[in-house]
Amino acid sequence: MLDLQQNDFQQLIKTLVRIFREKMSILNTELFQEPKRIKTLLEGYGGIWAIAGGWALDLYLQTETRIHKDIEIAIPRNEQLKLKNFLKEWKFNYVKNGEFVPWDNEEFLTLPIHEIHAKNEENEFEILLNEIDEKVWTYRRNPKVKYPIEKLYAKNLIDINFLVPEIVLLYKVKLNKTKDIEDLKNTISILSKESKTWLINSIEQESHNSKEWITQIETIQQTT
């Protein structure tokens, strides 16, 4: 009986050490250089912003799971000019019909435009315009899909806001690249039941790749 208790205690200690190391790994100064760069660039900006895309998932997982070719932030659409004026020395292009269009005036960008590329001599990043009001976030591709604004953002030990993973993964369904499927596999098993249910319900309303993604999720759940 004593031996059993000692073994259980030793196993508990090992588990706690593992969890501690995982949590503290995010403080490694070599990790998350790109999100940290964005945080520095936007220091003093008074608007709302959060890391989006693959970097948001890695911030949620508290480790870097793959190489990222770029970095994106999400902002409310109605704050686009506020951010543009904050970065007044930068050059901007938005994407329209698959082509870059210079954004060098005070034009307010409306749907379907949602992707902006910001660049100066040393830095560049993407800005994704999100449909957000005081209470809810609305999915650009299907206005019936909504998410409460108070749950839209998360923050980790390095104090950087990021979009919650279920929102990021939903955006990836249409893209359906190999990296998107890998992001799903890395993330879905540790989502809360509430987040997972919302994601599945939202994917079922997608017009692109919904069946494939639901099958992927079911397969992952069966093997974890």
Protein backbone atom coordinates (compact mmCIF):
# COMPACT_ATOMS: atom_id res chain seq x y z
CA MET A 1 0.00 0.00 0.00
CA LEU A 2 2.83 2.35 0.95
CA ASP A 3 4.72 1.50 -2.24
CA LEU A 4 1.62 2.26 -4.28
CA GLN A 5 1.19 5.62 -2.60
CA GLN A 6 4.86 6.46 -3.16
CA ASN A 7 4.59 5.50 -6.83
CA ASP A 8 1.46 7.61 -7.22
CA PHE A 9 3.19 10.54 -5.55
CA GLN A 10 6.26 10.21 -7.77
CA GLN A 11 4.05 10.07 -10.86
CA LEU A 12 2.21 13.19 -9.68
CA ILE A 13 5.48 15.04 -9.22
CA LYS A 14 6.64 14.04 -12.71
CA THR A 15 3.35 15.24 -14.18
CA LEU A 16 3.55 18.57 -12.36
CA VAL A 17 7.15 19.09 -13.51
CA ARG A 18 6.15 18.36 -17.11
CA ILE A 19 3.26 20.83 -16.96
CA PHE A 20 5.50 23.46 -15.37
CA ARG A 21 8.11 23.06 -18.09
CA GLU A 22 5.45 23.34 -20.79
CA LYS A 23 4.01 26.50 -19.26
CA MET A 24 7.40 28.10 -18.75
CA SER A 25 8.68 27.25 -22.24
CA ILE A 26 6.74 30.18 -23.62
CA LEU A 27 9.00 32.51 -21.65
CA ASN A 28 11.99 31.27 -23.68
CA THR A 29 13.44 34.42 -25.22
CA GLU A 30 14.06 32.60 -28.50
CA LEU A 31 10.39 31.81 -29.01
CA PHE A 32 7.67 34.01 -30.52
CA GLN A 33 9.99 36.65 -31.91
CA GLU A 34 7.48 37.66 -34.58
CA PRO A 35 4.53 38.25 -32.22
CA LYS A 36 6.87 40.12 -29.89
CA ARG A 37 7.99 42.28 -32.83
CA ILE A 38 4.40 43.20 -33.60
CA LYS A 39 3.76 44.01 -29.95
CA THR A 40 6.72 46.40 -30.00
CA LEU A 41 5.63 48.01 -33.29
CA LEU A 42 2.13 48.66 -31.91
CA GLU A 43 3.24 49.93 -28.52
CA GLY A 44 1.22 53.03 -27.77
CA TYR A 45 -1.57 52.17 -30.20
CA GLY A 46 -4.90 52.64 -28.46
CA GLY A 47 -7.03 50.42 -30.65
CA ILE A 48 -7.94 46.74 -30.48
CA TRP A 49 -5.67 44.20 -32.13
CA ALA A 50 -4.80 40.53 -31.75
CA ILE A 51 -2.46 38.07 -33.40
CA ALA A 52 -4.34 35.92 -35.93
CA GLY A 53 -3.60 32.92 -38.16
CA GLY A 54 -1.07 30.22 -37.37
CA TRP A 55 0.81 32.37 -34.87
CA ALA A 56 -2.37 32.71 -32.80
CA LEU A 57 -2.64 28.93 -32.57
CA ASP A 58 0.99 28.62 -31.49
CA LEU A 59 0.46 31.28 -28.82
CA TYR A 60 -2.50 29.25 -27.60
CA LEU A 61 -0.43 26.05 -27.61
CA GLN A 62 2.46 27.93 -25.97
CA THR A 63 5.01 26.52 -28.40
CA GLU A 64 6.08 27.00 -32.00
CA THR A 65 4.71 24.05 -33.97
CA ARG A 66 5.93 25.07 -37.44
CA ILE A 67 7.65 27.75 -39.50
CA HIS A 68 5.46 30.74 -40.32
CA LYS A 69 6.04 32.66 -43.55
CA ASP A 70 4.17 35.74 -42.38
CA ILE A 71 2.27 37.19 -39.45
CA GLU A 72 -1.25 38.60 -39.29
CA ILE A 73 -3.19 40.70 -36.85
CA ALA A 74 -6.96 41.01 -36.61
CA ILE A 75 -8.63 44.35 -35.91
CA PRO A 76 -12.24 45.55 -35.94
CA ARG A 77 -13.14 46.91 -39.37
CA ASN A 78 -14.29 50.19 -37.86
CA GLU A 79 -10.78 50.86 -36.49
CA GLN A 80 -8.92 50.53 -39.81
CA LEU A 81 -8.24 54.27 -40.21
CA LYS A 82 -7.19 54.55 -36.58
CA LEU A 83 -4.45 51.97 -37.14
CA LYS A 84 -3.51 53.47 -40.52
CA ASN A 85 -3.04 56.89 -38.93
CA PHE A 86 -0.96 55.37 -36.13
CA LEU A 87 1.35 53.86 -38.77
CA LYS A 88 1.30 57.03 -40.84
CA GLU A 89 4.79 56.56 -42.29
CA TRP A 90 3.99 53.05 -43.55
CA LYS A 91 2.84 51.99 -47.00
CA PHE A 92 -0.40 50.05 -47.35
CA ASN A 93 -1.93 47.82 -50.00
CA TYR A 94 -5.23 46.01 -49.78
CA VAL A 95 -6.21 42.93 -51.73
CA LYS A 96 -9.04 43.21 -54.22
CA ASN A 97 -9.91 40.43 -56.65
CA GLY A 98 -6.55 38.79 -55.91
CA GLU A 99 -4.49 41.90 -56.69
CA PHE A 100 -2.72 44.48 -54.55
CA VAL A 101 -4.23 47.97 -54.62
CA PRO A 102 -2.42 50.94 -53.01
CA TRP A 103 -4.27 52.35 -50.01
CA ASP A 104 -2.81 55.84 -49.79
CA ASN A 105 -5.88 57.85 -48.82
CA GLU A 106 -8.56 57.93 -46.14
CA GLU A 107 -10.91 55.60 -48.00
CA PHE A 108 -12.89 53.38 -45.62
CA LEU A 109 -12.59 49.79 -46.84
CA THR A 110 -15.80 47.78 -46.91
CA LEU A 111 -16.61 44.16 -47.64
CA PRO A 112 -15.54 42.09 -49.47
CA ILE A 113 -12.15 43.76 -48.88
CA HIS A 114 -10.64 42.38 -45.67
CA GLU A 115 -6.89 41.89 -46.20
CA ILE A 116 -4.35 44.72 -45.91
CA HIS A 117 -0.57 44.54 -46.19
CA ALA A 118 1.42 47.08 -44.18
CA LYS A 119 5.10 47.70 -44.85
CA ASN A 120 7.94 50.07 -44.04
CA GLU A 121 11.68 49.82 -44.71
CA GLU A 122 12.26 47.17 -42.06
CA ASN A 123 8.94 45.54 -41.21
CA GLU A 124 5.80 44.15 -42.73
CA PHE A 125 2.70 42.34 -41.59
CA GLU A 126 -0.87 41.63 -42.64
CA ILE A 127 -3.97 43.25 -41.20
CA LEU A 128 -7.24 41.33 -41.31
CA LEU A 129 -10.41 43.36 -40.95
CA ASN A 130 -12.99 41.63 -38.76
CA GLU A 131 -16.70 42.32 -38.52
CA ILE A 132 -17.07 43.27 -34.86
CA ASP A 133 -19.59 45.39 -33.01
CA GLU A 134 -19.99 46.04 -29.30
CA LYS A 135 -21.42 42.60 -28.57
CA VAL A 136 -20.49 40.05 -31.27
CA TRP A 137 -18.00 39.01 -33.89
CA THR A 138 -19.65 38.02 -37.18
CA TYR A 139 -18.09 35.55 -39.61
CA ARG A 140 -17.35 37.33 -42.86
CA ARG A 141 -18.22 34.34 -45.02
CA ASN A 142 -21.50 33.58 -43.28
CA PRO A 143 -23.19 36.34 -41.23
CA LYS A 144 -25.31 33.73 -39.45
CA VAL A 145 -22.20 32.54 -37.61
CA LYS A 146 -21.47 34.73 -34.61
CA TYR A 147 -19.26 34.68 -31.51
CA PRO A 148 -19.49 36.72 -28.28
CA ILE A 149 -17.00 39.57 -28.25
CA GLU A 150 -16.07 39.02 -24.59
CA LYS A 151 -14.64 35.58 -25.49
CA LEU A 152 -12.98 36.53 -28.78
CA TYR A 153 -9.47 37.19 -27.45
CA ALA A 154 -7.05 35.31 -25.22
CA LYS A 155 -3.71 36.24 -23.68
CA ASN A 156 -0.81 34.15 -22.43
CA LEU A 157 2.24 34.58 -20.22
CA ILE A 158 4.02 36.91 -22.64
CA ASP A 159 1.03 39.28 -22.57
CA ILE A 160 0.09 39.23 -26.26
CA ASN A 161 -3.54 39.12 -27.35
CA PHE A 162 -4.52 36.50 -29.90
CA LEU A 163 -7.74 35.30 -31.49
CA VAL A 164 -9.15 32.22 -29.81
CA PRO A 165 -8.33 29.02 -31.75
CA GLU A 166 -11.87 28.13 -32.80
CA ILE A 167 -12.10 31.41 -34.76
CA VAL A 168 -8.70 30.88 -36.38
CA LEU A 169 -9.50 27.29 -37.34
CA LEU A 170 -12.84 28.28 -38.86
CA TYR A 171 -11.07 30.67 -41.23
CA LYS A 172 -8.76 27.85 -42.28
CA VAL A 173 -11.54 25.54 -43.49
CA LYS A 174 -11.87 27.23 -46.89
CA LEU A 175 -8.08 27.39 -47.39
CA ASN A 176 -7.63 23.71 -46.48
CA LYS A 177 -3.89 23.63 -47.07
CA THR A 178 -1.64 20.98 -45.58
CA LYS A 179 -0.51 23.40 -42.88
CA ASP A 180 -4.15 24.14 -42.02
CA ILE A 181 -4.90 20.45 -41.46
CA GLU A 182 -1.77 20.18 -39.31
CA ASP A 183 -2.91 23.20 -37.29
CA LEU A 184 -6.24 21.46 -36.74
CA LYS A 185 -4.54 18.25 -35.59
CA ASN A 186 -2.31 20.16 -33.17
CA THR A 187 -5.15 22.12 -31.62
CA ILE A 188 -8.53 20.40 -31.73
CA SER A 189 -7.88 17.79 -29.03
CA ILE A 190 -7.16 20.39 -26.34
CA LEU A 191 -10.03 22.75 -27.09
CA SER A 192 -12.71 22.98 -24.44
CA LYS A 193 -15.96 21.14 -25.10
CA GLU A 194 -17.73 24.46 -25.60
CA SER A 195 -15.16 25.72 -28.13
CA LYS A 196 -15.12 22.44 -30.00
CA THR A 197 -18.92 22.33 -30.22
CA TRP A 198 -19.06 25.89 -31.54
CA LEU A 199 -16.37 25.13 -34.13
CA ILE A 200 -18.07 21.97 -35.39
CA ASN A 201 -21.45 23.69 -35.63
CA SER A 202 -19.86 26.57 -37.54
CA ILE A 203 -17.93 24.29 -39.91
CA GLU A 204 -21.16 22.46 -40.74
CA GLN A 205 -22.47 25.76 -42.12
CA GLU A 206 -19.43 26.25 -44.35
CA SER A 207 -19.82 25.83 -48.10
CA HIS A 208 -16.21 24.72 -48.63
CA ASN A 209 -14.54 21.55 -47.32
CA SER A 210 -16.93 21.19 -44.37
CA LYS A 211 -17.38 17.42 -44.70
CA GLU A 212 -13.63 16.85 -44.96
CA TRP A 213 -12.95 18.91 -41.83
CA ILE A 214 -15.70 17.24 -39.82
CA THR A 215 -14.24 13.87 -40.83
CA GLN A 216 -10.78 15.06 -39.79
CA ILE A 217 -12.08 16.12 -36.39
CA GLU A 218 -13.89 12.82 -35.86
CA THR A 219 -10.74 10.88 -36.80
CA ILE A 220 -8.58 12.92 -34.43
CA GLN A 221 -11.03 12.44 -31.57
CA GLN A 222 -11.03 8.68 -32.10
CA THR A 223 -7.23 8.51 -31.84
CA THR A 224 -6.74 10.76 -28.81
